[in-house]
Amino acid sequence: MARRSNASRGRVDWAEIRSRVDALDRALSGASEGQPERIRAVLEERARALARSAAAPTTADRLEAVTFALGGERYAIEARYVIEVFRLKQLSALPGAERPVFGVTAWRGELLTLCDLRGALGLSATALNDLSLVLVLGEDRAAFGILADAVHGLVSLSAAQVREPSEGTGAKREYVRGLTPDAMLVLDAKQILHVLHT
């Protein structure tokens, strides 16, 4: 393949090229003036938009709760008051103790008072129950344990969906925080701790 000569390509107009480069340089330098402020404004607006769309619900909007079964019914209790869940191996009854106190058990080298909430929740104390699990309740330290037939796990509930229970609820009102749309009673752990631990 033969090389093309400079003559066949025509003469290069260096003045025209220089003029185009100068015009491009002026355009670029003019576009970059005020650029940092404009970039900052755009980035701040994007950050505000992302913060609005990705804002996580506050802790007041959500309720983390442990769900458990007692007397054939499902309940939930705020998880931050549940220190531990363990299987009951030994129980020593406390004759003459006032309900809901049921007995004591050894837990972490200490005696832990156990409470049976069936009566307070409007359940029959004579019904068949397993009562083989203990939910240890407390704030800074363990206050007492409540007996349960089964523990189902942790759920995150919308606080707005936990509504006041109807008057027909057999549970003591001071023990109940509310009712979920699927009719699960949410217990008021703080109030239970206050009533039973004082």
N, C-alpha and C. Protein backbone atom coordinates (compact mmCIF):
# COMPACT_ATOMS: atom_id res chain seq x y z
N MET A 1 0.84 -1.17 0.00
CA MET A 1 0.00 0.00 0.00
C MET A 1 0.88 1.22 0.00
N ALA A 2 0.66 2.11 -0.94
CA ALA A 2 1.52 3.29 -1.10
C ALA A 2 1.17 4.34 -0.06
N ARG A 3 2.17 5.02 0.45
CA ARG A 3 1.95 6.09 1.42
C ARG A 3 1.48 7.33 0.70
N ARG A 4 0.53 8.04 1.36
CA ARG A 4 0.06 9.29 0.75
C ARG A 4 1.04 10.39 1.10
N SER A 5 1.27 11.23 0.19
CA SER A 5 2.22 12.33 0.40
C SER A 5 1.52 13.49 1.09
N ASN A 6 2.33 14.39 1.65
CA ASN A 6 1.78 15.59 2.29
C ASN A 6 1.02 16.43 1.29
N ALA A 7 1.44 16.39 0.05
CA ALA A 7 0.78 17.20 -0.98
C ALA A 7 -0.63 16.71 -1.22
N SER A 8 -0.84 15.34 -1.16
CA SER A 8 -2.18 14.82 -1.42
C SER A 8 -3.12 15.10 -0.26
N ARG A 9 -2.58 15.27 0.94
CA ARG A 9 -3.44 15.57 2.10
C ARG A 9 -3.79 17.04 2.16
N GLY A 10 -3.16 17.86 1.50
CA GLY A 10 -3.41 19.28 1.54
C GLY A 10 -2.54 19.96 2.58
N ARG A 11 -2.59 21.26 2.55
CA ARG A 11 -1.75 22.04 3.44
C ARG A 11 -2.42 22.17 4.80
N VAL A 12 -1.66 22.07 5.93
CA VAL A 12 -2.20 22.22 7.27
C VAL A 12 -2.28 23.69 7.59
N ASP A 13 -3.48 24.12 8.03
CA ASP A 13 -3.67 25.52 8.41
C ASP A 13 -3.48 25.65 9.91
N TRP A 14 -2.25 25.90 10.33
CA TRP A 14 -1.93 25.96 11.75
C TRP A 14 -2.63 27.11 12.45
N ALA A 15 -2.89 28.17 11.78
CA ALA A 15 -3.58 29.31 12.38
C ALA A 15 -5.01 28.92 12.76
N GLU A 16 -5.66 28.16 11.87
CA GLU A 16 -7.03 27.71 12.15
C GLU A 16 -7.06 26.74 13.34
N ILE A 17 -6.10 25.82 13.41
CA ILE A 17 -6.03 24.87 14.52
C ILE A 17 -5.80 25.61 15.83
N ARG A 18 -4.85 26.59 15.78
CA ARG A 18 -4.56 27.37 16.98
C ARG A 18 -5.80 28.13 17.43
N SER A 19 -6.55 28.66 16.49
CA SER A 19 -7.77 29.40 16.79
C SER A 19 -8.82 28.49 17.45
N ARG A 20 -8.96 27.27 16.94
CA ARG A 20 -9.92 26.31 17.52
C ARG A 20 -9.51 25.89 18.93
N VAL A 21 -8.22 25.63 19.12
CA VAL A 21 -7.73 25.25 20.44
C VAL A 21 -7.95 26.37 21.44
N ASP A 22 -7.68 27.62 21.03
CA ASP A 22 -7.90 28.77 21.92
C ASP A 22 -9.38 28.91 22.28
N ALA A 23 -10.27 28.70 21.31
CA ALA A 23 -11.71 28.80 21.56
C ALA A 23 -12.17 27.71 22.54
N LEU A 24 -11.65 26.51 22.34
CA LEU A 24 -11.98 25.41 23.23
C LEU A 24 -11.47 25.68 24.64
N ASP A 25 -10.26 26.21 24.74
CA ASP A 25 -9.66 26.54 26.04
C ASP A 25 -10.50 27.59 26.76
N ARG A 26 -10.95 28.62 26.01
CA ARG A 26 -11.80 29.66 26.61
C ARG A 26 -13.13 29.07 27.10
N ALA A 27 -13.70 28.18 26.31
CA ALA A 27 -14.98 27.55 26.68
C ALA A 27 -14.83 26.72 27.95
N LEU A 28 -13.75 25.96 28.02
CA LEU A 28 -13.53 25.12 29.20
C LEU A 28 -13.24 25.94 30.44
N SER A 29 -12.44 26.97 30.33
CA SER A 29 -12.13 27.79 31.50
C SER A 29 -13.36 28.56 31.96
N GLY A 30 -14.23 28.96 31.01
CA GLY A 30 -15.47 29.66 31.40
C GLY A 30 -16.43 28.72 32.10
N ALA A 31 -16.48 27.45 31.67
CA ALA A 31 -17.39 26.47 32.30
C ALA A 31 -16.93 26.11 33.69
N SER A 32 -15.60 26.16 33.91
CA SER A 32 -15.11 25.75 35.22
C SER A 32 -15.21 26.85 36.26
N GLU A 33 -15.44 28.11 35.82
CA GLU A 33 -15.60 29.19 36.80
C GLU A 33 -16.89 28.96 37.58
N GLY A 34 -16.83 29.04 38.91
CA GLY A 34 -18.01 28.81 39.75
C GLY A 34 -18.38 27.36 39.87
N GLN A 35 -17.59 26.48 39.31
CA GLN A 35 -17.89 25.05 39.30
C GLN A 35 -17.90 24.44 40.70
N PRO A 36 -16.93 24.73 41.59
CA PRO A 36 -16.97 24.10 42.93
C PRO A 36 -18.27 24.38 43.69
N GLU A 37 -18.76 25.62 43.61
CA GLU A 37 -20.01 25.95 44.30
C GLU A 37 -21.19 25.20 43.70
N ARG A 38 -21.22 25.11 42.38
CA ARG A 38 -22.32 24.41 41.71
C ARG A 38 -22.28 22.92 42.05
N ILE A 39 -21.07 22.33 42.03
CA ILE A 39 -20.93 20.92 42.36
C ILE A 39 -21.38 20.67 43.79
N ARG A 40 -20.95 21.53 44.72
CA ARG A 40 -21.33 21.38 46.13
C ARG A 40 -22.85 21.46 46.30
N ALA A 41 -23.49 22.42 45.61
CA ALA A 41 -24.95 22.56 45.71
C ALA A 41 -25.66 21.31 45.19
N VAL A 42 -25.18 20.76 44.07
CA VAL A 42 -25.80 19.56 43.50
C VAL A 42 -25.62 18.38 44.45
N LEU A 43 -24.41 18.22 45.00
CA LEU A 43 -24.15 17.11 45.92
C LEU A 43 -24.97 17.22 47.19
N GLU A 44 -25.11 18.45 47.71
CA GLU A 44 -25.92 18.63 48.93
C GLU A 44 -27.38 18.29 48.67
N GLU A 45 -27.89 18.68 47.52
CA GLU A 45 -29.28 18.37 47.19
C GLU A 45 -29.48 16.87 47.04
N ARG A 46 -28.51 16.19 46.41
CA ARG A 46 -28.58 14.73 46.29
C ARG A 46 -28.55 14.06 47.65
N ALA A 47 -27.68 14.57 48.54
CA ALA A 47 -27.58 13.99 49.89
C ALA A 47 -28.88 14.17 50.65
N ARG A 48 -29.51 15.33 50.52
CA ARG A 48 -30.81 15.55 51.19
C ARG A 48 -31.87 14.61 50.65
N ALA A 49 -31.88 14.42 49.33
CA ALA A 49 -32.86 13.52 48.72
C ALA A 49 -32.64 12.08 49.19
N LEU A 50 -31.37 11.65 49.24
CA LEU A 50 -31.09 10.30 49.72
C LEU A 50 -31.46 10.13 51.18
N ALA A 51 -31.20 11.13 51.99
CA ALA A 51 -31.53 11.05 53.42
C ALA A 51 -33.03 10.95 53.62
N ARG A 52 -33.80 11.68 52.79
CA ARG A 52 -35.26 11.61 52.92
C ARG A 52 -35.78 10.24 52.51
N SER A 53 -35.26 9.69 51.40
CA SER A 53 -35.79 8.42 50.90
C SER A 53 -35.32 7.23 51.71
N ALA A 54 -34.10 7.31 52.27
CA ALA A 54 -33.55 6.15 52.97
C ALA A 54 -33.62 6.30 54.48
N ALA A 55 -34.39 7.25 54.97
CA ALA A 55 -34.46 7.44 56.42
C ALA A 55 -35.06 6.21 57.06
N ALA A 56 -34.32 5.61 57.97
CA ALA A 56 -34.81 4.42 58.67
C ALA A 56 -35.84 4.83 59.69
N PRO A 57 -36.83 3.99 59.96
CA PRO A 57 -37.80 4.34 60.98
C PRO A 57 -37.12 4.46 62.34
N THR A 58 -37.57 5.41 63.13
CA THR A 58 -36.97 5.60 64.45
C THR A 58 -37.37 4.44 65.35
N THR A 59 -36.63 4.30 66.45
CA THR A 59 -36.93 3.20 67.36
C THR A 59 -38.31 3.35 67.97
N ALA A 60 -38.81 4.59 68.01
CA ALA A 60 -40.16 4.80 68.54
C ALA A 60 -41.22 4.21 67.60
N ASP A 61 -40.86 4.07 66.32
CA ASP A 61 -41.80 3.53 65.33
C ASP A 61 -41.84 2.01 65.32
N ARG A 62 -40.79 1.37 65.82
CA ARG A 62 -40.70 -0.08 65.80
C ARG A 62 -40.61 -0.63 67.21
N LEU A 63 -41.11 -1.84 67.36
CA LEU A 63 -41.10 -2.50 68.66
C LEU A 63 -40.52 -3.89 68.45
N GLU A 64 -39.31 -4.13 68.97
CA GLU A 64 -38.69 -5.44 68.90
C GLU A 64 -39.23 -6.26 70.06
N ALA A 65 -39.79 -7.41 69.76
CA ALA A 65 -40.44 -8.20 70.81
C ALA A 65 -40.12 -9.69 70.68
N VAL A 66 -40.09 -10.35 71.82
CA VAL A 66 -39.94 -11.81 71.87
C VAL A 66 -41.35 -12.39 71.94
N THR A 67 -41.66 -13.35 71.07
CA THR A 67 -42.99 -13.96 71.09
C THR A 67 -42.89 -15.31 71.80
N PHE A 68 -43.93 -15.60 72.57
CA PHE A 68 -43.96 -16.86 73.30
C PHE A 68 -45.39 -17.35 73.45
N ALA A 69 -45.51 -18.61 73.84
CA ALA A 69 -46.83 -19.21 74.03
C ALA A 69 -47.03 -19.53 75.49
N LEU A 70 -48.26 -19.33 75.94
CA LEU A 70 -48.64 -19.67 77.31
C LEU A 70 -50.12 -20.03 77.30
N GLY A 71 -50.44 -21.22 77.79
CA GLY A 71 -51.84 -21.64 77.84
C GLY A 71 -52.51 -21.67 76.49
N GLY A 72 -51.78 -22.00 75.44
CA GLY A 72 -52.37 -22.08 74.10
C GLY A 72 -52.54 -20.74 73.41
N GLU A 73 -52.09 -19.65 74.01
CA GLU A 73 -52.19 -18.32 73.42
C GLU A 73 -50.79 -17.79 73.10
N ARG A 74 -50.74 -16.89 72.10
CA ARG A 74 -49.47 -16.26 71.74
C ARG A 74 -49.38 -14.87 72.34
N TYR A 75 -48.19 -14.56 72.86
CA TYR A 75 -47.93 -13.26 73.46
C TYR A 75 -46.61 -12.71 72.94
N ALA A 76 -46.44 -11.42 73.11
CA ALA A 76 -45.17 -10.77 72.77
C ALA A 76 -44.79 -9.88 73.94
N ILE A 77 -43.50 -9.75 74.16
CA ILE A 77 -43.01 -8.88 75.24
C ILE A 77 -41.76 -8.18 74.71
N GLU A 78 -41.62 -6.91 75.04
CA GLU A 78 -40.53 -6.10 74.50
C GLU A 78 -39.17 -6.75 74.78
N ALA A 79 -38.38 -6.93 73.72
CA ALA A 79 -37.13 -7.69 73.79
C ALA A 79 -36.09 -7.03 74.68
N ARG A 80 -36.11 -5.72 74.81
CA ARG A 80 -35.04 -5.08 75.60
C ARG A 80 -35.14 -5.39 77.08
N TYR A 81 -36.28 -5.94 77.52
CA TYR A 81 -36.44 -6.33 78.92
C TYR A 81 -36.21 -7.83 79.13
N VAL A 82 -35.97 -8.57 78.06
CA VAL A 82 -35.72 -10.01 78.17
C VAL A 82 -34.21 -10.23 78.19
N ILE A 83 -33.70 -10.64 79.34
CA ILE A 83 -32.26 -10.83 79.50
C ILE A 83 -31.81 -12.16 78.93
N GLU A 84 -32.62 -13.18 79.14
CA GLU A 84 -32.24 -14.52 78.68
C GLU A 84 -33.48 -15.40 78.63
N VAL A 85 -33.41 -16.45 77.83
CA VAL A 85 -34.43 -17.50 77.81
C VAL A 85 -33.71 -18.81 78.08
N PHE A 86 -34.23 -19.60 79.01
CA PHE A 86 -33.59 -20.90 79.28
C PHE A 86 -34.65 -21.94 79.60
N ARG A 87 -34.24 -23.21 79.45
CA ARG A 87 -35.14 -24.33 79.74
C ARG A 87 -35.11 -24.60 81.23
N LEU A 88 -36.29 -24.71 81.83
CA LEU A 88 -36.43 -24.96 83.26
C LEU A 88 -36.13 -26.42 83.56
N LYS A 89 -35.15 -26.64 84.46
CA LYS A 89 -34.79 -28.01 84.82
C LYS A 89 -35.23 -28.34 86.24
N GLN A 90 -35.11 -27.38 87.13
CA GLN A 90 -35.51 -27.61 88.52
C GLN A 90 -36.38 -26.46 88.99
N LEU A 91 -37.40 -26.81 89.73
CA LEU A 91 -38.31 -25.81 90.28
C LEU A 91 -38.61 -26.16 91.72
N SER A 92 -38.45 -25.18 92.58
CA SER A 92 -38.83 -25.36 93.98
C SER A 92 -40.04 -24.49 94.25
N ALA A 93 -41.14 -25.13 94.61
CA ALA A 93 -42.38 -24.39 94.88
C ALA A 93 -42.21 -23.56 96.16
N LEU A 94 -42.95 -22.47 96.20
CA LEU A 94 -42.96 -21.62 97.40
C LEU A 94 -44.36 -21.66 97.99
N PRO A 95 -44.62 -22.59 98.90
CA PRO A 95 -45.97 -22.69 99.48
C PRO A 95 -46.34 -21.37 100.18
N GLY A 96 -47.56 -20.94 99.95
CA GLY A 96 -48.06 -19.71 100.57
C GLY A 96 -47.65 -18.45 99.85
N ALA A 97 -46.88 -18.56 98.76
CA ALA A 97 -46.49 -17.36 98.01
C ALA A 97 -47.71 -16.78 97.28
N GLU A 98 -47.78 -15.47 97.23
CA GLU A 98 -48.90 -14.81 96.54
C GLU A 98 -48.71 -14.89 95.04
N ARG A 99 -49.81 -15.18 94.35
CA ARG A 99 -49.76 -15.23 92.89
C ARG A 99 -49.45 -13.83 92.37
N PRO A 100 -48.68 -13.73 91.30
CA PRO A 100 -48.30 -14.78 90.36
C PRO A 100 -46.99 -15.49 90.69
N VAL A 101 -46.41 -15.24 91.88
CA VAL A 101 -45.17 -15.95 92.23
C VAL A 101 -45.47 -17.44 92.30
N PHE A 102 -44.61 -18.23 91.63
CA PHE A 102 -44.86 -19.66 91.48
C PHE A 102 -43.81 -20.50 92.21
N GLY A 103 -42.57 -20.03 92.20
CA GLY A 103 -41.49 -20.78 92.83
C GLY A 103 -40.16 -20.11 92.55
N VAL A 104 -39.09 -20.88 92.79
CA VAL A 104 -37.73 -20.38 92.52
C VAL A 104 -36.94 -21.47 91.81
N THR A 105 -35.89 -21.02 91.11
CA THR A 105 -34.98 -21.96 90.46
C THR A 105 -33.58 -21.38 90.53
N ALA A 106 -32.59 -22.24 90.37
CA ALA A 106 -31.20 -21.77 90.33
C ALA A 106 -30.91 -21.25 88.93
N TRP A 107 -30.30 -20.08 88.89
CA TRP A 107 -29.94 -19.46 87.61
C TRP A 107 -28.66 -18.66 87.81
N ARG A 108 -27.62 -19.04 87.10
CA ARG A 108 -26.31 -18.37 87.18
C ARG A 108 -25.81 -18.26 88.62
N GLY A 109 -26.00 -19.31 89.37
CA GLY A 109 -25.49 -19.35 90.74
C GLY A 109 -26.33 -18.60 91.76
N GLU A 110 -27.50 -18.13 91.37
CA GLU A 110 -28.38 -17.41 92.29
C GLU A 110 -29.78 -18.00 92.20
N LEU A 111 -30.63 -17.63 93.16
CA LEU A 111 -32.03 -18.03 93.11
C LEU A 111 -32.81 -17.00 92.31
N LEU A 112 -33.60 -17.51 91.37
CA LEU A 112 -34.42 -16.64 90.53
C LEU A 112 -35.88 -16.93 90.83
N THR A 113 -36.62 -15.89 91.19
CA THR A 113 -38.06 -16.03 91.42
C THR A 113 -38.75 -16.24 90.09
N LEU A 114 -39.69 -17.20 90.07
CA LEU A 114 -40.46 -17.50 88.86
C LEU A 114 -41.91 -17.11 89.06
N CYS A 115 -42.48 -16.48 88.03
CA CYS A 115 -43.87 -16.06 88.07
C CYS A 115 -44.67 -16.77 86.99
N ASP A 116 -45.89 -17.12 87.33
CA ASP A 116 -46.82 -17.74 86.40
C ASP A 116 -47.89 -16.71 86.08
N LEU A 117 -47.86 -16.17 84.88
CA LEU A 117 -48.78 -15.07 84.50
C LEU A 117 -50.14 -15.56 83.99
N ARG A 118 -50.41 -16.87 84.03
CA ARG A 118 -51.68 -17.36 83.48
C ARG A 118 -52.88 -16.68 84.12
N GLY A 119 -52.91 -16.59 85.42
CA GLY A 119 -54.04 -15.95 86.09
C GLY A 119 -54.17 -14.48 85.72
N ALA A 120 -53.04 -13.77 85.68
CA ALA A 120 -53.06 -12.35 85.34
C ALA A 120 -53.47 -12.10 83.90
N LEU A 121 -53.28 -13.11 83.04
CA LEU A 121 -53.64 -12.97 81.63
C LEU A 121 -55.01 -13.57 81.32
N GLY A 122 -55.74 -13.97 82.34
CA GLY A 122 -57.08 -14.50 82.14
C GLY A 122 -57.10 -15.93 81.64
N LEU A 123 -56.02 -16.67 81.86
CA LEU A 123 -55.95 -18.07 81.43
C LEU A 123 -56.20 -18.99 82.61
N SER A 124 -56.68 -20.17 82.33
CA SER A 124 -56.92 -21.14 83.38
C SER A 124 -55.60 -21.70 83.89
N ALA A 125 -55.43 -21.69 85.19
CA ALA A 125 -54.20 -22.23 85.79
C ALA A 125 -54.22 -23.75 85.83
N THR A 126 -55.38 -24.36 85.55
CA THR A 126 -55.48 -25.83 85.60
C THR A 126 -55.37 -26.46 84.22
N ALA A 127 -55.31 -25.63 83.17
CA ALA A 127 -55.21 -26.17 81.81
C ALA A 127 -53.86 -26.86 81.63
N LEU A 128 -53.80 -27.78 80.64
CA LEU A 128 -52.54 -28.46 80.36
C LEU A 128 -51.53 -27.46 79.83
N ASN A 129 -50.42 -27.36 80.50
CA ASN A 129 -49.36 -26.44 80.10
C ASN A 129 -48.03 -27.14 80.24
N ASP A 130 -47.08 -26.69 79.44
CA ASP A 130 -45.74 -27.24 79.51
C ASP A 130 -44.92 -26.49 80.57
N LEU A 131 -44.97 -25.16 80.52
CA LEU A 131 -44.24 -24.30 81.46
C LEU A 131 -42.79 -24.75 81.63
N SER A 132 -42.15 -25.07 80.52
CA SER A 132 -40.79 -25.60 80.59
C SER A 132 -39.72 -24.57 80.25
N LEU A 133 -40.16 -23.38 79.86
CA LEU A 133 -39.20 -22.34 79.50
C LEU A 133 -39.37 -21.14 80.42
N VAL A 134 -38.27 -20.40 80.60
CA VAL A 134 -38.29 -19.22 81.45
C VAL A 134 -37.75 -18.04 80.65
N LEU A 135 -38.48 -16.94 80.66
CA LEU A 135 -37.99 -15.68 80.11
C LEU A 135 -37.55 -14.83 81.29
N VAL A 136 -36.26 -14.55 81.36
CA VAL A 136 -35.73 -13.76 82.47
C VAL A 136 -35.92 -12.28 82.13
N LEU A 137 -36.68 -11.58 82.98
CA LEU A 137 -36.97 -10.17 82.74
C LEU A 137 -36.14 -9.28 83.67
N GLY A 138 -35.82 -8.13 83.18
CA GLY A 138 -35.10 -7.16 84.00
C GLY A 138 -34.69 -5.97 83.17
N GLU A 139 -34.19 -4.94 83.85
CA GLU A 139 -33.65 -3.78 83.14
C GLU A 139 -32.13 -3.81 83.23
N ASP A 140 -31.58 -3.40 84.35
CA ASP A 140 -30.12 -3.45 84.52
C ASP A 140 -29.65 -4.85 84.89
N ARG A 141 -30.48 -5.56 85.65
CA ARG A 141 -30.14 -6.93 86.05
C ARG A 141 -31.43 -7.73 86.14
N ALA A 142 -31.29 -9.04 86.29
CA ALA A 142 -32.47 -9.92 86.32
C ALA A 142 -33.32 -9.62 87.55
N ALA A 143 -34.62 -9.46 87.31
CA ALA A 143 -35.55 -9.23 88.41
C ALA A 143 -36.28 -10.52 88.77
N PHE A 144 -36.81 -11.23 87.78
CA PHE A 144 -37.50 -12.50 87.96
C PHE A 144 -37.70 -13.14 86.60
N GLY A 145 -38.21 -14.36 86.60
CA GLY A 145 -38.49 -15.06 85.35
C GLY A 145 -39.98 -15.31 85.22
N ILE A 146 -40.46 -15.35 83.98
CA ILE A 146 -41.85 -15.72 83.74
C ILE A 146 -41.85 -17.05 82.99
N LEU A 147 -42.79 -17.91 83.35
CA LEU A 147 -42.88 -19.23 82.75
C LEU A 147 -43.59 -19.17 81.40
N ALA A 148 -43.15 -20.02 80.49
CA ALA A 148 -43.77 -20.08 79.16
C ALA A 148 -43.77 -21.52 78.67
N ASP A 149 -44.73 -21.83 77.81
CA ASP A 149 -44.80 -23.16 77.21
C ASP A 149 -43.81 -23.29 76.05
N ALA A 150 -43.64 -22.22 75.29
CA ALA A 150 -42.74 -22.22 74.13
C ALA A 150 -42.31 -20.79 73.85
N VAL A 151 -41.15 -20.63 73.24
CA VAL A 151 -40.68 -19.32 72.79
C VAL A 151 -40.51 -19.42 71.28
N HIS A 152 -41.17 -18.51 70.56
CA HIS A 152 -41.17 -18.59 69.10
C HIS A 152 -40.06 -17.79 68.45
N GLY A 153 -39.61 -16.71 69.05
CA GLY A 153 -38.52 -15.94 68.46
C GLY A 153 -38.75 -14.45 68.57
N LEU A 154 -37.96 -13.72 67.80
CA LEU A 154 -37.97 -12.26 67.83
C LEU A 154 -38.74 -11.74 66.63
N VAL A 155 -39.59 -10.73 66.88
CA VAL A 155 -40.32 -10.09 65.79
C VAL A 155 -40.15 -8.58 65.91
N SER A 156 -40.29 -7.90 64.79
CA SER A 156 -40.28 -6.44 64.77
C SER A 156 -41.69 -5.98 64.41
N LEU A 157 -42.31 -5.28 65.34
CA LEU A 157 -43.69 -4.83 65.15
C LEU A 157 -43.72 -3.33 64.91
N SER A 158 -44.69 -2.88 64.14
CA SER A 158 -44.92 -1.46 63.98
C SER A 158 -45.66 -0.97 65.22
N ALA A 159 -45.08 0.01 65.92
CA ALA A 159 -45.70 0.52 67.14
C ALA A 159 -47.09 1.08 66.86
N ALA A 160 -47.28 1.62 65.66
CA ALA A 160 -48.59 2.19 65.31
C ALA A 160 -49.66 1.11 65.18
N GLN A 161 -49.26 -0.11 64.88
CA GLN A 161 -50.23 -1.19 64.73
C GLN A 161 -50.62 -1.85 66.04
N VAL A 162 -49.87 -1.58 67.10
CA VAL A 162 -50.21 -2.14 68.42
C VAL A 162 -51.26 -1.21 69.03
N ARG A 163 -52.52 -1.65 68.99
CA ARG A 163 -53.62 -0.79 69.43
C ARG A 163 -54.14 -1.24 70.80
N GLU A 164 -54.91 -0.37 71.41
CA GLU A 164 -55.50 -0.68 72.72
C GLU A 164 -56.37 -1.92 72.62
N PRO A 165 -56.26 -2.83 73.57
CA PRO A 165 -57.11 -4.04 73.52
C PRO A 165 -58.55 -3.69 73.88
N SER A 166 -59.46 -4.51 73.43
CA SER A 166 -60.88 -4.28 73.72
C SER A 166 -61.16 -4.58 75.19
N GLU A 167 -62.30 -4.14 75.66
CA GLU A 167 -62.69 -4.34 77.06
C GLU A 167 -62.85 -5.81 77.41
N GLY A 168 -63.13 -6.66 76.41
CA GLY A 168 -63.36 -8.07 76.68
C GLY A 168 -62.10 -8.88 76.96
N THR A 169 -60.92 -8.24 76.86
CA THR A 169 -59.68 -8.97 77.11
C THR A 169 -59.61 -9.39 78.56
N GLY A 170 -59.33 -10.68 78.79
CA GLY A 170 -59.32 -11.19 80.16
C GLY A 170 -58.07 -10.81 80.94
N ALA A 171 -57.04 -10.31 80.27
CA ALA A 171 -55.79 -9.98 80.95
C ALA A 171 -55.94 -8.71 81.77
N LYS A 172 -55.18 -8.63 82.84
CA LYS A 172 -55.15 -7.40 83.63
C LYS A 172 -54.63 -6.28 82.75
N ARG A 173 -55.35 -5.16 82.77
CA ARG A 173 -55.03 -4.05 81.87
C ARG A 173 -53.61 -3.52 82.09
N GLU A 174 -53.14 -3.53 83.34
CA GLU A 174 -51.82 -2.96 83.59
C GLU A 174 -50.70 -3.81 83.03
N TYR A 175 -51.00 -5.06 82.68
CA TYR A 175 -49.97 -5.95 82.12
C TYR A 175 -49.92 -5.87 80.59
N VAL A 176 -50.88 -5.22 79.98
CA VAL A 176 -51.02 -5.26 78.52
C VAL A 176 -50.67 -3.91 77.90
N ARG A 177 -49.79 -3.96 76.91
CA ARG A 177 -49.43 -2.76 76.16
C ARG A 177 -50.40 -2.55 75.00
N GLY A 178 -50.80 -3.64 74.34
CA GLY A 178 -51.72 -3.51 73.22
C GLY A 178 -51.94 -4.83 72.52
N LEU A 179 -52.61 -4.73 71.38
CA LEU A 179 -53.01 -5.90 70.60
C LEU A 179 -52.57 -5.70 69.16
N THR A 180 -51.96 -6.71 68.55
CA THR A 180 -51.54 -6.60 67.15
C THR A 180 -52.72 -6.91 66.23
N PRO A 181 -52.61 -6.58 64.94
CA PRO A 181 -53.70 -6.90 64.01
C PRO A 181 -54.05 -8.38 63.95
N ASP A 182 -53.09 -9.27 64.24
CA ASP A 182 -53.40 -10.71 64.23
C ASP A 182 -53.76 -11.21 65.63
N ALA A 183 -54.23 -10.31 66.49
CA ALA A 183 -54.79 -10.64 67.81
C ALA A 183 -53.77 -11.22 68.78
N MET A 184 -52.52 -10.80 68.68
CA MET A 184 -51.52 -11.22 69.66
C MET A 184 -51.38 -10.12 70.71
N LEU A 185 -51.49 -10.50 71.99
CA LEU A 185 -51.35 -9.52 73.06
C LEU A 185 -49.88 -9.18 73.26
N VAL A 186 -49.59 -7.88 73.28
CA VAL A 186 -48.24 -7.41 73.56
C VAL A 186 -48.22 -6.96 75.02
N LEU A 187 -47.40 -7.62 75.81
CA LEU A 187 -47.35 -7.32 77.24
C LEU A 187 -46.46 -6.12 77.51
N ASP A 188 -46.79 -5.38 78.55
CA ASP A 188 -46.03 -4.21 78.95
C ASP A 188 -44.98 -4.65 79.96
N ALA A 189 -43.78 -4.96 79.47
CA ALA A 189 -42.72 -5.49 80.33
C ALA A 189 -42.34 -4.53 81.43
N LYS A 190 -42.27 -3.25 81.11
CA LYS A 190 -41.87 -2.27 82.12
C LYS A 190 -42.88 -2.24 83.26
N GLN A 191 -44.16 -2.29 82.92
CA GLN A 191 -45.20 -2.27 83.94
C GLN A 191 -45.21 -3.57 84.75
N ILE A 192 -45.00 -4.69 84.07
CA ILE A 192 -44.93 -5.98 84.78
C ILE A 192 -43.78 -5.97 85.77
N LEU A 193 -42.64 -5.44 85.34
CA LEU A 193 -41.48 -5.34 86.24
C LEU A 193 -41.81 -4.45 87.43
N HIS A 194 -42.48 -3.36 87.17
CA HIS A 194 -42.82 -2.42 88.24
C HIS A 194 -43.80 -3.05 89.23
N VAL A 195 -44.84 -3.71 88.73
CA VAL A 195 -45.87 -4.29 89.59
C VAL A 195 -45.33 -5.48 90.40
N LEU A 196 -44.60 -6.36 89.72
CA LEU A 196 -44.19 -7.60 90.38
C LEU A 196 -42.88 -7.48 91.15
N HIS A 197 -42.10 -6.48 90.86
CA HIS A 197 -40.79 -6.39 91.53
C HIS A 197 -40.80 -5.41 92.70
N THR A 198 -41.89 -4.71 92.90
CA THR A 198 -41.92 -3.74 94.03
C THR A 198 -42.53 -4.37 95.26
